[in-house]
């Protein structure tokens, strides 16, 4: 297995990770629950949301970095 294939696998896994983490985020709008004040009932969700944000940003940095590396061809085999 070449280095390019390994980087492509990590790149694909980071893309899937971003998709899953974005879907795990809670919606920003309170919806109809905000009318009765139910939105502020649970405050421990803020720490979970902060952890999800950090993980999402980490996966984004990995994904964008590997996108630049793969598209620039820096890992391509040089002819001899």
N, C-alpha and C. Protein backbone atom coordinates (compact mmCIF):
# COMPACT_ATOMS: atom_id res chain seq x y z
N UNK A 1 0.85 -1.18 0.00
CA UNK A 1 0.00 0.00 0.00
C UNK A 1 0.90 1.24 0.00
N UNK A 2 0.63 2.13 -0.91
CA UNK A 2 1.47 3.32 -1.03
C UNK A 2 1.04 4.39 -0.04
N UNK A 3 1.90 5.38 0.11
CA UNK A 3 1.61 6.49 1.02
C UNK A 3 0.38 7.26 0.53
N UNK A 4 0.25 7.41 -0.77
CA UNK A 4 -0.89 8.14 -1.33
C UNK A 4 -2.19 7.43 -0.98
N UNK A 5 -2.22 6.11 -1.07
CA UNK A 5 -3.43 5.36 -0.74
C UNK A 5 -3.77 5.50 0.74
N UNK A 6 -2.78 5.47 1.61
CA UNK A 6 -3.02 5.63 3.04
C UNK A 6 -3.58 7.02 3.34
N UNK A 7 -3.02 8.04 2.70
CA UNK A 7 -3.51 9.41 2.90
C UNK A 7 -4.93 9.54 2.36
N UNK A 8 -5.22 8.90 1.23
CA UNK A 8 -6.58 8.94 0.68
C UNK A 8 -7.58 8.27 1.62
N UNK A 9 -7.18 7.19 2.28
CA UNK A 9 -8.06 6.52 3.22
C UNK A 9 -8.33 7.42 4.43
N UNK A 10 -7.28 8.06 4.95
CA UNK A 10 -7.45 8.98 6.07
C UNK A 10 -8.33 10.15 5.66
N UNK A 11 -8.14 10.64 4.44
CA UNK A 11 -8.94 11.74 3.91
C UNK A 11 -10.42 11.36 3.83
N UNK A 12 -10.70 10.14 3.35
CA UNK A 12 -12.08 9.67 3.25
C UNK A 12 -12.70 9.49 4.63
N UNK A 13 -11.95 8.96 5.57
CA UNK A 13 -12.46 8.78 6.93
C UNK A 13 -12.73 10.12 7.61
N UNK A 14 -11.88 11.11 7.33
CA UNK A 14 -12.13 12.43 7.92
C UNK A 14 -13.39 13.06 7.31
N UNK A 15 -13.64 12.82 6.04
CA UNK A 15 -14.87 13.33 5.42
C UNK A 15 -16.10 12.68 6.05
N UNK A 16 -16.05 11.38 6.27
CA UNK A 16 -17.16 10.69 6.92
C UNK A 16 -17.32 11.17 8.37
N UNK A 17 -16.20 11.42 9.04
CA UNK A 17 -16.25 11.94 10.40
C UNK A 17 -16.93 13.30 10.47
N UNK A 18 -16.62 14.16 9.50
CA UNK A 18 -17.25 15.49 9.46
C UNK A 18 -18.76 15.34 9.28
N UNK A 19 -19.17 14.46 8.38
CA UNK A 19 -20.60 14.27 8.13
C UNK A 19 -21.31 13.80 9.40
N UNK A 20 -20.74 12.81 10.07
CA UNK A 20 -21.37 12.28 11.28
C UNK A 20 -21.41 13.34 12.38
N UNK A 21 -20.32 14.06 12.58
CA UNK A 21 -20.28 15.05 13.64
C UNK A 21 -21.23 16.22 13.38
N UNK A 22 -21.35 16.63 12.14
CA UNK A 22 -22.28 17.72 11.82
C UNK A 22 -23.72 17.26 12.08
N UNK A 23 -24.02 16.01 11.77
CA UNK A 23 -25.36 15.51 12.02
C UNK A 23 -25.64 15.34 13.52
N UNK A 24 -24.60 15.17 14.33
CA UNK A 24 -24.78 15.03 15.77
C UNK A 24 -25.03 16.37 16.47
N UNK A 25 -24.65 17.46 15.83
CA UNK A 25 -24.87 18.77 16.45
C UNK A 25 -26.35 19.04 16.64
N UNK A 26 -26.65 19.75 17.71
CA UNK A 26 -28.03 20.12 17.94
C UNK A 26 -28.36 21.34 17.09
N UNK A 27 -29.61 21.47 16.69
CA UNK A 27 -29.99 22.63 15.89
C UNK A 27 -29.86 23.92 16.70
N UNK A 28 -29.53 25.00 16.02
CA UNK A 28 -29.32 26.28 16.71
C UNK A 28 -30.63 26.93 17.13
N UNK A 29 -31.66 26.74 16.38
CA UNK A 29 -32.95 27.33 16.73
C UNK A 29 -33.65 26.54 17.82
N UNK A 30 -34.35 27.24 18.68
CA UNK A 30 -35.06 26.57 19.76
C UNK A 30 -36.39 25.98 19.30
N UNK A 31 -36.88 26.47 18.21
CA UNK A 31 -38.15 25.98 17.71
C UNK A 31 -39.28 26.37 18.64
N UNK A 32 -40.28 25.56 18.71
CA UNK A 32 -41.45 25.87 19.53
C UNK A 32 -41.15 25.67 21.02
N UNK A 33 -40.09 24.93 21.35
CA UNK A 33 -39.71 24.73 22.74
C UNK A 33 -39.21 26.00 23.40
N UNK A 34 -38.77 26.97 22.63
CA UNK A 34 -38.28 28.22 23.18
C UNK A 34 -39.37 29.11 23.72
N UNK A 35 -40.60 28.84 23.36
CA UNK A 35 -41.72 29.68 23.81
C UNK A 35 -41.95 29.51 25.31
N UNK A 36 -41.93 28.28 25.78
CA UNK A 36 -42.21 28.01 27.19
C UNK A 36 -41.00 28.05 28.07
N UNK A 37 -39.84 28.37 27.55
CA UNK A 37 -38.63 28.41 28.36
C UNK A 37 -37.98 27.06 28.56
N UNK A 38 -38.37 26.08 27.78
CA UNK A 38 -37.82 24.74 27.92
C UNK A 38 -36.40 24.64 27.37
N UNK A 39 -35.97 25.60 26.60
CA UNK A 39 -34.66 25.51 25.96
C UNK A 39 -33.53 25.62 26.98
N UNK A 40 -33.74 26.32 28.07
CA UNK A 40 -32.69 26.51 29.07
C UNK A 40 -32.75 25.47 30.18
N UNK A 41 -33.54 24.44 30.03
CA UNK A 41 -33.70 23.44 31.07
C UNK A 41 -32.43 22.63 31.27
N UNK A 42 -31.78 22.25 30.20
CA UNK A 42 -30.57 21.43 30.29
C UNK A 42 -29.36 22.27 29.94
N UNK A 43 -28.46 22.48 30.91
CA UNK A 43 -27.27 23.28 30.65
C UNK A 43 -26.03 22.43 30.44
N UNK A 44 -26.09 21.14 30.76
CA UNK A 44 -24.93 20.27 30.58
C UNK A 44 -24.68 19.96 29.11
N UNK A 45 -25.63 20.26 28.27
CA UNK A 45 -25.47 20.02 26.83
C UNK A 45 -24.43 20.95 26.24
N UNK A 46 -24.15 22.07 26.92
CA UNK A 46 -23.17 23.01 26.39
C UNK A 46 -21.78 22.41 26.35
N UNK A 47 -21.40 21.59 27.35
CA UNK A 47 -20.08 20.98 27.33
C UNK A 47 -19.99 19.91 26.24
N UNK A 48 -21.08 19.18 26.02
CA UNK A 48 -21.10 18.20 24.93
C UNK A 48 -21.01 18.91 23.59
N UNK A 49 -21.69 20.04 23.47
CA UNK A 49 -21.65 20.80 22.22
C UNK A 49 -20.25 21.36 21.97
N UNK A 50 -19.58 21.79 23.03
CA UNK A 50 -18.21 22.31 22.89
C UNK A 50 -17.26 21.20 22.43
N UNK A 51 -17.43 20.01 22.97
CA UNK A 51 -16.59 18.88 22.55
C UNK A 51 -16.86 18.52 21.09
N UNK A 52 -18.13 18.52 20.70
CA UNK A 52 -18.46 18.24 19.31
C UNK A 52 -17.87 19.30 18.38
N UNK A 53 -17.89 20.56 18.82
CA UNK A 53 -17.29 21.63 18.01
C UNK A 53 -15.80 21.42 17.82
N UNK A 54 -15.10 21.07 18.91
CA UNK A 54 -13.65 20.83 18.80
C UNK A 54 -13.34 19.66 17.87
N UNK A 55 -14.09 18.58 18.02
CA UNK A 55 -13.87 17.42 17.14
C UNK A 55 -14.16 17.76 15.69
N UNK A 56 -15.24 18.50 15.46
CA UNK A 56 -15.60 18.87 14.09
C UNK A 56 -14.52 19.74 13.47
N UNK A 57 -14.04 20.73 14.22
CA UNK A 57 -12.97 21.58 13.69
C UNK A 57 -11.69 20.78 13.45
N UNK A 58 -11.39 19.84 14.32
CA UNK A 58 -10.21 18.99 14.11
C UNK A 58 -10.30 18.18 12.83
N UNK A 59 -11.47 17.56 12.62
CA UNK A 59 -11.67 16.80 11.39
C UNK A 59 -11.62 17.71 10.17
N UNK A 60 -12.13 18.92 10.28
CA UNK A 60 -12.09 19.87 9.17
C UNK A 60 -10.66 20.25 8.81
N UNK A 61 -9.84 20.49 9.83
CA UNK A 61 -8.43 20.84 9.58
C UNK A 61 -7.72 19.69 8.89
N UNK A 62 -7.95 18.46 9.36
CA UNK A 62 -7.32 17.29 8.73
C UNK A 62 -7.80 17.15 7.30
N UNK A 63 -9.10 17.28 7.08
CA UNK A 63 -9.66 17.11 5.74
C UNK A 63 -9.12 18.16 4.77
N UNK A 64 -9.11 19.42 5.17
CA UNK A 64 -8.64 20.48 4.28
C UNK A 64 -7.14 20.35 4.02
N UNK A 65 -6.37 20.00 5.05
CA UNK A 65 -4.93 19.83 4.87
C UNK A 65 -4.64 18.70 3.89
N UNK A 66 -5.31 17.58 4.07
CA UNK A 66 -5.07 16.45 3.17
C UNK A 66 -5.59 16.74 1.76
N UNK A 67 -6.64 17.55 1.64
CA UNK A 67 -7.12 17.94 0.33
C UNK A 67 -6.06 18.75 -0.42
N UNK A 68 -5.42 19.68 0.29
CA UNK A 68 -4.37 20.48 -0.33
C UNK A 68 -3.18 19.59 -0.72
N UNK A 69 -2.79 18.70 0.18
CA UNK A 69 -1.64 17.83 -0.09
C UNK A 69 -1.91 16.92 -1.28
N UNK A 70 -3.11 16.32 -1.31
CA UNK A 70 -3.43 15.40 -2.41
C UNK A 70 -3.61 16.14 -3.73
N UNK A 71 -4.23 17.32 -3.71
CA UNK A 71 -4.46 18.03 -4.97
C UNK A 71 -3.18 18.66 -5.52
N UNK A 72 -2.23 18.99 -4.65
CA UNK A 72 -0.99 19.58 -5.11
C UNK A 72 -0.04 18.53 -5.69
N UNK A 73 -0.30 17.28 -5.40
CA UNK A 73 0.54 16.21 -5.94
C UNK A 73 1.88 16.10 -5.24
N UNK A 74 1.96 16.55 -4.00
CA UNK A 74 3.23 16.52 -3.28
C UNK A 74 3.68 15.09 -2.91
N UNK A 75 2.75 14.17 -2.93
CA UNK A 75 3.08 12.79 -2.58
C UNK A 75 3.25 11.90 -3.79
N UNK A 76 3.12 12.47 -4.97
CA UNK A 76 3.23 11.68 -6.21
C UNK A 76 4.66 11.16 -6.37
N UNK A 77 4.75 10.01 -6.97
CA UNK A 77 6.04 9.38 -7.20
C UNK A 77 6.76 10.14 -8.32
N UNK A 78 7.98 10.56 -8.06
CA UNK A 78 8.77 11.28 -9.05
C UNK A 78 9.44 10.28 -9.99
N UNK A 79 9.33 10.50 -11.31
CA UNK A 79 10.00 9.59 -12.24
C UNK A 79 11.51 9.73 -12.14
N UNK A 80 12.16 8.62 -12.19
CA UNK A 80 13.47 8.51 -11.90
C UNK A 80 14.69 8.89 -12.39
